[in-house]
Amino acid sequence: MKNPVGLLAAFLGGAVIGGALGLLFAPESGEETRKKIAEALEKRGIKLSKSEMEDLVDEIKSEMSPEAK
């Protein structure tokens, strides 16, 4: 049997990534979505500048693109 802590960490990591991707593809404007992501990160003590947020979004988009696979 696999390590239960590792399985829990993988599950939580997947949930966080899934939630972030859901926000990115939500029918709201990109600016509004980025604002919500920034607010959620700030609640957890992570502060990103506007350019850092744009870089994060671009990185996630590139990971999701068909060319990346």
Protein backbone atom coordinates (compact mmCIF):
# COMPACT_ATOMS: atom_id res chain seq x y z
CA MET A 1 0.00 0.00 0.00
CA LYS A 2 1.27 3.46 -0.84
CA ASN A 3 2.10 6.05 1.77
CA PRO A 4 -1.22 7.59 2.91
CA VAL A 5 0.40 10.99 3.49
CA GLY A 6 1.72 10.98 -0.08
CA LEU A 7 -1.69 10.08 -1.43
CA LEU A 8 -3.31 12.86 0.57
CA ALA A 9 -0.71 15.36 -0.65
CA ALA A 10 -1.26 14.28 -4.25
CA PHE A 11 -5.03 14.57 -3.85
CA LEU A 12 -4.80 18.05 -2.31
CA GLY A 13 -2.32 19.17 -4.96
CA GLY A 14 -4.66 17.98 -7.69
CA ALA A 15 -7.58 19.75 -6.07
CA VAL A 16 -5.66 23.03 -5.93
CA ILE A 17 -4.55 22.75 -9.55
CA GLY A 18 -8.05 21.78 -10.66
CA GLY A 19 -9.54 24.73 -8.84
CA ALA A 20 -7.04 27.11 -10.38
CA LEU A 21 -7.72 25.77 -13.86
CA GLY A 22 -11.44 26.05 -13.28
CA LEU A 23 -10.99 29.69 -12.42
CA LEU A 24 -8.84 30.29 -15.47
CA PHE A 25 -11.46 28.86 -17.80
CA ALA A 26 -14.46 30.42 -16.06
CA PRO A 27 -16.69 32.71 -18.13
CA GLU A 28 -15.45 35.83 -16.33
CA SER A 29 -13.03 38.34 -17.80
CA GLY A 30 -9.35 37.52 -17.51
CA GLU A 31 -8.71 40.58 -15.38
CA GLU A 32 -11.45 39.60 -12.91
CA THR A 33 -10.16 36.02 -12.76
CA ARG A 34 -6.58 37.15 -12.12
CA LYS A 35 -7.84 39.42 -9.35
CA LYS A 36 -9.65 36.51 -7.69
CA ILE A 37 -6.57 34.28 -7.95
CA ALA A 38 -4.37 37.04 -6.47
CA GLU A 39 -6.82 37.51 -3.59
CA ALA A 40 -6.90 33.77 -2.89
CA LEU A 41 -3.10 33.60 -2.88
CA GLU A 42 -2.80 36.66 -0.63
CA LYS A 43 -5.11 35.01 1.91
CA ARG A 44 -2.51 32.24 2.07
CA GLY A 45 0.38 34.68 2.47
CA ILE A 46 1.57 34.58 -1.16
CA LYS A 47 1.87 37.95 -2.86
CA LEU A 48 2.42 38.21 -6.61
CA SER A 49 2.93 41.33 -8.68
CA LYS A 50 0.82 41.83 -11.80
CA SER A 51 3.68 40.65 -14.02
CA GLU A 52 4.27 37.58 -11.82
CA MET A 53 0.56 36.74 -12.04
CA GLU A 54 0.64 37.06 -15.83
CA ASP A 55 3.72 34.82 -15.96
CA LEU A 56 1.92 32.22 -13.81
CA VAL A 57 -1.14 32.31 -16.09
CA ASP A 58 1.05 31.98 -19.19
CA GLU A 59 2.89 29.04 -17.63
CA ILE A 60 -0.37 27.25 -16.82
CA LYS A 61 -1.68 27.93 -20.33
CA SER A 62 1.48 26.51 -21.90
CA GLU A 63 1.19 23.39 -19.75
CA MET A 64 -2.39 22.91 -20.93
CA SER A 65 -1.77 23.50 -24.62
CA PRO A 66 -1.81 20.47 -26.94
CA GLU A 67 1.73 21.29 -28.12
CA ALA A 68 3.06 20.75 -24.58
CA LYS A 69 2.01 17.09 -24.59
